[in-house]
Structures are given as C-alpha cells and as structure tokens.
PDB file of N, CA and C in Angstrom:
ATOM      1  N   MET A   1       1.492  12.416 -18.648  1.00  0.00           N
ATOM      2  CA  MET A   1       1.485  10.960 -18.666  1.00  0.00           C
ATOM      3  C   MET A   1       0.692  10.456 -17.468  1.00  0.00           C
ATOM      4  N   SER A   2      -0.199   9.533 -17.703  1.00  0.00           N
ATOM      5  CA  SER A   2      -0.944   8.956 -16.588  1.00  0.00           C
ATOM      6  C   SER A   2      -0.380   7.570 -16.286  1.00  0.00           C
ATOM      7  N   TYR A   3      -0.448   7.216 -15.047  1.00  0.00           N
ATOM      8  CA  TYR A   3       0.094   5.944 -14.587  1.00  0.00           C
ATOM      9  C   TYR A   3      -1.042   5.012 -14.193  1.00  0.00           C
ATOM     10  N   PRO A   4      -0.844   3.703 -14.343  1.00  0.00           N
ATOM     11  CA  PRO A   4      -1.856   2.775 -13.843  1.00  0.00           C
ATOM     12  C   PRO A   4      -1.932   2.858 -12.318  1.00  0.00           C
ATOM     13  N   VAL A   5      -3.085   2.533 -11.795  1.00  0.00           N
ATOM     14  CA  VAL A   5      -3.302   2.552 -10.348  1.00  0.00           C
ATOM     15  C   VAL A   5      -3.595   1.127  -9.895  1.00  0.00           C
ATOM     16  N   ILE A   6      -2.806   0.646  -8.961  1.00  0.00           N
ATOM     17  CA  ILE A   6      -3.030  -0.674  -8.371  1.00  0.00           C
ATOM     18  C   ILE A   6      -3.659  -0.439  -6.998  1.00  0.00           C
ATOM     19  N   ILE A   7      -4.851  -0.967  -6.799  1.00  0.00           N
ATOM     20  CA  ILE A   7      -5.548  -0.804  -5.522  1.00  0.00           C
ATOM     21  C   ILE A   7      -5.666  -2.165  -4.863  1.00  0.00           C
ATOM     22  N   ILE A   8      -5.162  -2.265  -3.662  1.00  0.00           N
ATOM     23  CA  ILE A   8      -5.298  -3.486  -2.868  1.00  0.00           C
ATOM     24  C   ILE A   8      -6.264  -3.162  -1.734  1.00  0.00           C
ATOM     25  N   ASP A   9      -7.494  -3.638  -1.879  1.00  0.00           N
ATOM     26  CA  ASP A   9      -8.520  -3.396  -0.871  1.00  0.00           C
ATOM     27  C   ASP A   9      -8.352  -4.412   0.260  1.00  0.00           C
ATOM     28  N   GLU A  10      -8.820  -4.045   1.422  1.00  0.00           N
ATOM     29  CA  GLU A  10      -8.674  -4.886   2.619  1.00  0.00           C
ATOM     30  C   GLU A  10      -7.189  -5.181   2.874  1.00  0.00           C
ATOM     31  N   ALA A  11      -6.353  -4.171   2.678  1.00  0.00           N
ATOM     32  CA  ALA A  11      -4.909  -4.342   2.846  1.00  0.00           C
ATOM     33  C   ALA A  11      -4.535  -4.724   4.279  1.00  0.00           C
ATOM     34  N   ASN A  12      -5.442  -4.513   5.209  1.00  0.00           N
ATOM     35  CA  ASN A  12      -5.182  -4.917   6.597  1.00  0.00           C
ATOM     36  C   ASN A  12      -4.959  -6.427   6.702  1.00  0.00           C
ATOM     37  N   LYS A  13      -5.423  -7.194   5.720  1.00  0.00           N
ATOM     38  CA  LYS A  13      -5.198  -8.652   5.727  1.00  0.00           C
ATOM     39  C   LYS A  13      -3.707  -8.974   5.621  1.00  0.00           C
ATOM     40  N   LEU A  14      -2.930  -8.054   5.078  1.00  0.00           N
ATOM     41  CA  LEU A  14      -1.478  -8.270   5.008  1.00  0.00           C
ATOM     42  C   LEU A  14      -0.864  -8.418   6.399  1.00  0.00           C
ATOM     43  N   MET A  15      -1.504  -7.794   7.389  1.00  0.00           N
ATOM     44  CA  MET A  15      -0.962  -7.847   8.752  1.00  0.00           C
ATOM     45  C   MET A  15      -0.986  -9.255   9.334  1.00  0.00           C
ATOM     46  N   SER A  16      -1.846 -10.120   8.811  1.00  0.00           N
ATOM     47  CA  SER A  16      -1.914 -11.497   9.329  1.00  0.00           C
ATOM     48  C   SER A  16      -1.242 -12.488   8.385  1.00  0.00           C
ATOM     49  N   TRP A  17      -0.452 -11.981   7.437  1.00  0.00           N
ATOM     50  CA  TRP A  17       0.270 -12.820   6.476  1.00  0.00           C
ATOM     51  C   TRP A  17       1.183 -13.772   7.231  1.00  0.00           C
ATOM     52  N   LYS A  18       1.123 -15.036   6.916  1.00  0.00           N
ATOM     53  CA  LYS A  18       2.001 -16.053   7.496  1.00  0.00           C
ATOM     54  C   LYS A  18       2.967 -16.520   6.421  1.00  0.00           C
ATOM     55  N   GLU A  19       4.239 -16.390   6.689  1.00  0.00           N
ATOM     56  CA  GLU A  19       5.260 -16.807   5.726  1.00  0.00           C
ATOM     57  C   GLU A  19       5.372 -18.328   5.723  1.00  0.00           C
ATOM     58  N   PRO A  20       5.214 -18.968   4.558  1.00  0.00           N
ATOM     59  CA  PRO A  20       5.361 -20.423   4.506  1.00  0.00           C
ATOM     60  C   PRO A  20       6.810 -20.854   4.749  1.00  0.00           C
ATOM     61  N   ASP A  21       7.757 -20.026   4.333  1.00  0.00           N
ATOM     62  CA  ASP A  21       9.171 -20.329   4.518  1.00  0.00           C
ATOM     63  C   ASP A  21       9.872 -19.063   4.998  1.00  0.00           C
ATOM     64  N   PRO A  22      10.230 -18.987   6.283  1.00  0.00           N
ATOM     65  CA  PRO A  22      10.870 -17.779   6.819  1.00  0.00           C
ATOM     66  C   PRO A  22      12.164 -17.400   6.095  1.00  0.00           C
ATOM     67  N   LEU A  23      12.782 -18.352   5.413  1.00  0.00           N
ATOM     68  CA  LEU A  23      14.013 -18.059   4.686  1.00  0.00           C
ATOM     69  C   LEU A  23      13.737 -17.344   3.356  1.00  0.00           C
ATOM     70  N   GLN A  24      12.478 -17.371   2.902  1.00  0.00           N
ATOM     71  CA  GLN A  24      12.088 -16.676   1.680  1.00  0.00           C
ATOM     72  C   GLN A  24      10.875 -15.798   1.992  1.00  0.00           C
ATOM     73  N   PRO A  25      11.116 -14.622   2.553  1.00  0.00           N
ATOM     74  CA  PRO A  25      10.005 -13.752   2.983  1.00  0.00           C
ATOM     75  C   PRO A  25       9.243 -13.143   1.809  1.00  0.00           C
ATOM     76  N   GLU A  26       8.129 -13.787   1.453  1.00  0.00           N
ATOM     77  CA  GLU A  26       7.330 -13.354   0.309  1.00  0.00           C
ATOM     78  C   GLU A  26       6.647 -12.013   0.555  1.00  0.00           C
ATOM     79  N   LEU A  27       6.213 -11.747   1.776  1.00  0.00           N
ATOM     80  CA  LEU A  27       5.569 -10.470   2.071  1.00  0.00           C
ATOM     81  C   LEU A  27       6.551  -9.332   1.830  1.00  0.00           C
ATOM     82  N   GLN A  28       7.774  -9.475   2.275  1.00  0.00           N
ATOM     83  CA  GLN A  28       8.761  -8.426   2.062  1.00  0.00           C
ATOM     84  C   GLN A  28       9.033  -8.228   0.581  1.00  0.00           C
ATOM     85  N   ARG A  29       9.042  -9.323  -0.186  1.00  0.00           N
ATOM     86  CA  ARG A  29       9.226  -9.200  -1.636  1.00  0.00           C
ATOM     87  C   ARG A  29       8.066  -8.444  -2.276  1.00  0.00           C
ATOM     88  N   LEU A  30       6.846  -8.708  -1.804  1.00  0.00           N
ATOM     89  CA  LEU A  30       5.690  -7.988  -2.316  1.00  0.00           C
ATOM     90  C   LEU A  30       5.810  -6.496  -2.007  1.00  0.00           C
ATOM     91  N   LEU A  31       6.130  -6.161  -0.761  1.00  0.00           N
ATOM     92  CA  LEU A  31       6.262  -4.750  -0.373  1.00  0.00           C
ATOM     93  C   LEU A  31       7.389  -4.076  -1.158  1.00  0.00           C
ATOM     94  N   ASP A  32       8.501  -4.769  -1.330  1.00  0.00           N
ATOM     95  CA  ASP A  32       9.614  -4.223  -2.114  1.00  0.00           C
ATOM     96  C   ASP A  32       9.196  -3.974  -3.558  1.00  0.00           C
ATOM     97  N   PHE A  33       8.411  -4.907  -4.124  1.00  0.00           N
ATOM     98  CA  PHE A  33       7.915  -4.736  -5.492  1.00  0.00           C
ATOM     99  C   PHE A  33       7.025  -3.500  -5.593  1.00  0.00           C
ATOM    100  N   LEU A  34       6.098  -3.342  -4.632  1.00  0.00           N
ATOM    101  CA  LEU A  34       5.190  -2.199  -4.663  1.00  0.00           C
ATOM    102  C   LEU A  34       5.953  -0.884  -4.535  1.00  0.00           C
ATOM    103  N   ILE A  35       6.966  -0.862  -3.680  1.00  0.00           N
ATOM    104  CA  ILE A  35       7.810   0.336  -3.560  1.00  0.00           C
ATOM    105  C   ILE A  35       8.562   0.571  -4.868  1.00  0.00           C
ATOM    106  N   GLY A  36       9.091  -0.493  -5.431  1.00  0.00           N
ATOM    107  CA  GLY A  36       9.873  -0.376  -6.657  1.00  0.00           C
ATOM    108  C   GLY A  36       9.084   0.215  -7.811  1.00  0.00           C
ATOM    109  N   ILE A  37       7.854  -0.264  -8.020  1.00  0.00           N
ATOM    110  CA  ILE A  37       7.084   0.227  -9.169  1.00  0.00           C
ATOM    111  C   ILE A  37       6.467   1.601  -8.919  1.00  0.00           C
ATOM    112  N   SER A  38       6.326   1.972  -7.649  1.00  0.00           N
ATOM    113  CA  SER A  38       5.670   3.249  -7.376  1.00  0.00           C
ATOM    114  C   SER A  38       6.655   4.366  -7.025  1.00  0.00           C
ATOM    115  N   LYS A  39       7.568   4.125  -6.143  1.00  0.00           N
ATOM    116  CA  LYS A  39       8.452   5.191  -5.656  1.00  0.00           C
ATOM    117  C   LYS A  39       9.789   5.245  -6.387  1.00  0.00           C
ATOM    118  N   GLN A  40      10.276   4.123  -6.854  1.00  0.00           N
ATOM    119  CA  GLN A  40      11.601   4.110  -7.466  1.00  0.00           C
ATOM    120  C   GLN A  40      11.533   4.230  -8.985  1.00  0.00           C
ATOM    121  N   LYS A  41      10.737   3.409  -9.634  1.00  0.00           N
ATOM    122  CA  LYS A  41      10.665   3.415 -11.099  1.00  0.00           C
ATOM    123  C   LYS A  41       9.544   4.309 -11.641  1.00  0.00           C
ATOM    124  N   LEU A  42       8.665   4.761 -10.750  1.00  0.00           N
ATOM    125  CA  LEU A  42       7.560   5.645 -11.125  1.00  0.00           C
ATOM    126  C   LEU A  42       6.714   5.072 -12.268  1.00  0.00           C
ATOM    127  N   LEU A  43       6.385   3.785 -12.153  1.00  0.00           N
ATOM    128  CA  LEU A  43       5.603   3.114 -13.188  1.00  0.00           C
ATOM    129  C   LEU A  43       4.112   3.026 -12.862  1.00  0.00           C
ATOM    130  N   ALA A  44       3.755   3.167 -11.590  1.00  0.00           N
ATOM    131  CA  ALA A  44       2.356   3.015 -11.183  1.00  0.00           C
ATOM    132  C   ALA A  44       2.147   3.680  -9.829  1.00  0.00           C
ATOM    133  N   HIS A  45       0.890   3.927  -9.548  1.00  0.00           N
ATOM    134  CA  HIS A  45       0.492   4.352  -8.208  1.00  0.00           C
ATOM    135  C   HIS A  45      -0.025   3.117  -7.490  1.00  0.00           C
ATOM    136  N   VAL A  46       0.249   3.003  -6.197  1.00  0.00           N
ATOM    137  CA  VAL A  46      -0.242   1.868  -5.420  1.00  0.00           C
ATOM    138  C   VAL A  46      -1.033   2.411  -4.241  1.00  0.00           C
ATOM    139  N   ILE A  47      -2.236   1.895  -4.077  1.00  0.00           N
ATOM    140  CA  ILE A  47      -3.089   2.286  -2.950  1.00  0.00           C
ATOM    141  C   ILE A  47      -3.397   1.040  -2.144  1.00  0.00           C
ATOM    142  N   LEU A  48      -3.039   1.090  -0.873  1.00  0.00           N
ATOM    143  CA  LEU A  48      -3.419   0.034   0.068  1.00  0.00           C
ATOM    144  C   LEU A  48      -4.619   0.566   0.834  1.00  0.00           C
ATOM    145  N   ALA A  49      -5.791   0.076   0.510  1.00  0.00           N
ATOM    146  CA  ALA A  49      -7.029   0.578   1.095  1.00  0.00           C
ATOM    147  C   ALA A  49      -7.461  -0.307   2.266  1.00  0.00           C
ATOM    148  N   THR A  50      -7.855   0.343   3.349  1.00  0.00           N
ATOM    149  CA  THR A  50      -8.319  -0.381   4.533  1.00  0.00           C
ATOM    150  C   THR A  50      -9.117   0.560   5.417  1.00  0.00           C
ATOM    151  N   SER A  51      -9.938  -0.004   6.262  1.00  0.00           N
ATOM    152  CA  SER A  51     -10.614   0.793   7.277  1.00  0.00           C
ATOM    153  C   SER A  51      -9.878   0.678   8.609  1.00  0.00           C
ATOM    154  N   ASP A  52      -8.762  -0.038   8.616  1.00  0.00           N
ATOM    155  CA  ASP A  52      -7.983  -0.274   9.830  1.00  0.00           C
ATOM    156  C   ASP A  52      -6.795   0.678   9.868  1.00  0.00           C
ATOM    157  N   TYR A  53      -6.887   1.695  10.718  1.00  0.00           N
ATOM    158  CA  TYR A  53      -5.834   2.711  10.789  1.00  0.00           C
ATOM    159  C   TYR A  53      -4.493   2.125  11.242  1.00  0.00           C
ATOM    160  N   PHE A  54      -4.503   0.977  11.898  1.00  0.00           N
ATOM    161  CA  PHE A  54      -3.269   0.387  12.399  1.00  0.00           C
ATOM    162  C   PHE A  54      -2.355  -0.113  11.279  1.00  0.00           C
ATOM    163  N   LEU A  55      -2.851  -0.150  10.055  1.00  0.00           N
ATOM    164  CA  LEU A  55      -2.012  -0.576   8.937  1.00  0.00           C
ATOM    165  C   LEU A  55      -0.775   0.313   8.817  1.00  0.00           C
ATOM    166  N   ALA A  56      -0.929   1.605   9.022  1.00  0.00           N
ATOM    167  CA  ALA A  56       0.217   2.521   8.934  1.00  0.00           C
ATOM    168  C   ALA A  56       1.276   2.168   9.970  1.00  0.00           C
ATOM    169  N   ASN A  57       0.860   1.861  11.191  1.00  0.00           N
ATOM    170  CA  ASN A  57       1.816   1.454  12.226  1.00  0.00           C
ATOM    171  C   ASN A  57       2.494   0.142  11.853  1.00  0.00           C
ATOM    172  N   TRP A  58       1.722  -0.784  11.329  1.00  0.00           N
ATOM    173  CA  TRP A  58       2.268  -2.084  10.946  1.00  0.00           C
ATOM    174  C   TRP A  58       3.299  -1.924   9.831  1.00  0.00           C
ATOM    175  N   LEU A  59       3.012  -1.059   8.856  1.00  0.00           N
ATOM    176  CA  LEU A  59       3.963  -0.849   7.764  1.00  0.00           C
ATOM    177  C   LEU A  59       5.324  -0.401   8.289  1.00  0.00           C
ATOM    178  N   THR A  60       5.327   0.486   9.277  1.00  0.00           N
ATOM    179  CA  THR A  60       6.613   0.913   9.844  1.00  0.00           C
ATOM    180  C   THR A  60       7.262  -0.227  10.629  1.00  0.00           C
ATOM    181  N   GLN A  61       6.465  -1.090  11.254  1.00  0.00           N
ATOM    182  CA  GLN A  61       7.020  -2.229  11.993  1.00  0.00           C
ATOM    183  C   GLN A  61       7.686  -3.245  11.076  1.00  0.00           C
ATOM    184  N   VAL A  62       7.187  -3.386   9.846  1.00  0.00           N
ATOM    185  CA  VAL A  62       7.796  -4.339   8.918  1.00  0.00           C
ATOM    186  C   VAL A  62       8.904  -3.691   8.098  1.00  0.00           C
ATOM    187  N   GLY A  63       9.285  -2.475   8.468  1.00  0.00           N
ATOM    188  CA  GLY A  63      10.459  -1.862   7.872  1.00  0.00           C
ATOM    189  C   GLY A  63      10.213  -0.847   6.778  1.00  0.00           C
ATOM    190  N   MET A  64       8.956  -0.514   6.515  1.00  0.00           N
ATOM    191  CA  MET A  64       8.695   0.491   5.492  1.00  0.00           C
ATOM    192  C   MET A  64       8.794   1.868   6.135  1.00  0.00           C
ATOM    193  N   THR A  65       9.725   2.660   5.667  1.00  0.00           N
ATOM    194  CA  THR A  65       9.916   3.993   6.239  1.00  0.00           C
ATOM    195  C   THR A  65       8.828   4.940   5.751  1.00  0.00           C
ATOM    196  N   GLU A  66       8.574   5.966   6.535  1.00  0.00           N
ATOM    197  CA  GLU A  66       7.453   6.860   6.250  1.00  0.00           C
ATOM    198  C   GLU A  66       7.644   7.691   4.988  1.00  0.00           C
ATOM    199  N   ASP A  67       8.839   7.700   4.417  1.00  0.00           N
ATOM    200  CA  ASP A  67       9.015   8.389   3.136  1.00  0.00           C
ATOM    201  C   ASP A  67       8.521   7.528   1.971  1.00  0.00           C
ATOM    202  N   LYS A  68       8.142   6.283   2.264  1.00  0.00           N
ATOM    203  CA  LYS A  68       7.674   5.364   1.231  1.00  0.00           C
ATOM    204  C   LYS A  68       6.152   5.305   1.132  1.00  0.00           C
ATOM    205  N   PHE A  69       5.441   5.889   2.092  1.00  0.00           N
ATOM    206  CA  PHE A  69       3.979   5.857   2.020  1.00  0.00           C
ATOM    207  C   PHE A  69       3.390   7.120   2.636  1.00  0.00           C
ATOM    208  N   ARG A  70       2.148   7.369   2.283  1.00  0.00           N
ATOM    209  CA  ARG A  70       1.421   8.520   2.808  1.00  0.00           C
ATOM    210  C   ARG A  70       0.055   8.025   3.261  1.00  0.00           C
ATOM    211  N   VAL A  71      -0.373   8.466   4.416  1.00  0.00           N
ATOM    212  CA  VAL A  71      -1.689   8.086   4.940  1.00  0.00           C
ATOM    213  C   VAL A  71      -2.691   9.160   4.539  1.00  0.00           C
ATOM    214  N   GLU A  72      -3.778   8.722   3.941  1.00  0.00           N
ATOM    215  CA  GLU A  72      -4.901   9.598   3.597  1.00  0.00           C
ATOM    216  C   GLU A  72      -6.138   9.009   4.263  1.00  0.00           C
ATOM    217  N   VAL A  73      -6.800   9.797   5.064  1.00  0.00           N
ATOM    218  CA  VAL A  73      -8.025   9.344   5.722  1.00  0.00           C
ATOM    219  C   VAL A  73      -9.199   9.920   4.940  1.00  0.00           C
ATOM    220  N   LEU A  74     -10.043   9.027   4.450  1.00  0.00           N
ATOM    221  CA  LEU A  74     -11.167   9.437   3.616  1.00  0.00           C
ATOM    222  C   LEU A  74     -12.483   8.937   4.196  1.00  0.00           C
ATOM    223  N   GLY A  75     -13.516   9.659   3.923  1.00  0.00           N
ATOM    224  CA  GLY A  75     -14.861   9.200   4.255  1.00  0.00           C
ATOM    225  C   GLY A  75     -15.526   8.722   2.974  1.00  0.00           C
ATOM    226  N   ASP A  76     -16.826   8.767   2.940  1.00  0.00           N
ATOM    227  CA  ASP A  76     -17.551   8.415   1.718  1.00  0.00           C
ATOM    228  C   ASP A  76     -17.393   9.553   0.720  1.00  0.00           C
ATOM    229  N   LEU A  77     -16.930   9.224  -0.474  1.00  0.00           N
ATOM    230  CA  LEU A  77     -16.693  10.240  -1.494  1.00  0.00           C
ATOM    231  C   LEU A  77     -17.737  10.142  -2.603  1.00  0.00           C
ATOM    232  N   THR A  78     -18.085  11.293  -3.141  1.00  0.00           N
ATOM    233  CA  THR A  78     -18.892  11.294  -4.351  1.00  0.00           C
ATOM    234  C   THR A  78     -17.974  10.900  -5.507  1.00  0.00           C
ATOM    235  N   GLU A  79     -18.550  10.613  -6.647  1.00  0.00           N
ATOM    236  CA  GLU A  79     -17.732  10.248  -7.812  1.00  0.00           C
ATOM    237  C   GLU A  79     -16.788  11.398  -8.179  1.00  0.00           C
ATOM    238  N   GLU A  80     -17.281  12.608  -8.100  1.00  0.00           N
ATOM    239  CA  GLU A  80     -16.458  13.776  -8.419  1.00  0.00           C
ATOM    240  C   GLU A  80     -15.302  13.918  -7.438  1.00  0.00           C
ATOM    241  N   GLU A  81     -15.573  13.756  -6.153  1.00  0.00           N
ATOM    242  CA  GLU A  81     -14.506  13.835  -5.145  1.00  0.00           C
ATOM    243  C   GLU A  81     -13.464  12.725  -5.348  1.00  0.00           C
ATOM    244  N   ALA A  82     -13.924  11.545  -5.694  1.00  0.00           N
ATOM    245  CA  ALA A  82     -13.007  10.433  -5.933  1.00  0.00           C
ATOM    246  C   ALA A  82     -12.108  10.727  -7.124  1.00  0.00           C
ATOM    247  N   GLU A  83     -12.654  11.305  -8.184  1.00  0.00           N
ATOM    248  CA  GLU A  83     -11.856  11.656  -9.346  1.00  0.00           C
ATOM    249  C   GLU A  83     -10.800  12.699  -9.001  1.00  0.00           C
ATOM    250  N   LYS A  84     -11.156  13.681  -8.171  1.00  0.00           N
ATOM    251  CA  LYS A  84     -10.185  14.687  -7.745  1.00  0.00           C
ATOM    252  C   LYS A  84      -9.091  14.066  -6.893  1.00  0.00           C
ATOM    253  N   PHE A  85      -9.460  13.110  -6.059  1.00  0.00           N
ATOM    254  CA  PHE A  85      -8.485  12.446  -5.188  1.00  0.00           C
ATOM    255  C   PHE A  85      -7.463  11.687  -6.017  1.00  0.00           C
ATOM    256  N   MET A  86      -7.912  11.032  -7.062  1.00  0.00           N
ATOM    257  CA  MET A  86      -7.015  10.229  -7.908  1.00  0.00           C
ATOM    258  C   MET A  86      -6.124  11.168  -8.678  1.00  0.00           C
TER     259      MET A  86
END
C-alpha cells in the first residue's frame, strides 16, 4: 500500500508563526494534525522541507518529541536518488 506524501516546503516559516489568538493555538493544532495522520493513523507521509537546520531544534522547543520526526540532510538529488529516498 502506498501512502500520499504531504510536502511543506520552506517549513522554516513555521518558526515565525504568530498566533492570532493565544487561547486557540492554531500552530499546535496543525502540528498535532500532521502527527496524527502520519505517526498515529498511518494515513500519509509528511515532509517538512527546509534549508534551515534549526527547524529540528525549534520542533523540540514547541513540544514535538524526537520520536515524532526524523531529520534527513540531503543535497541535490538526481531523479533516481529522489525516487529511492521516497
């Protein structure tokens, strides 16, 4: 069975997310949703793509434990290498 892949490019922009209402944290709801569909319900793969390595540190600061994500450092890939990675 193959799963859909959700790719969020420039995911480092999440680090500057400003909550319009602190009582309703939308960023946390988004992160919870992504965890839910990928790690809990196994419905999709989620890739947060960025050239900013600090995203991994930020994810742990906002409460995402390291069992919920994996860091992969990639360079320029050929089409064949990209297919193998997926």
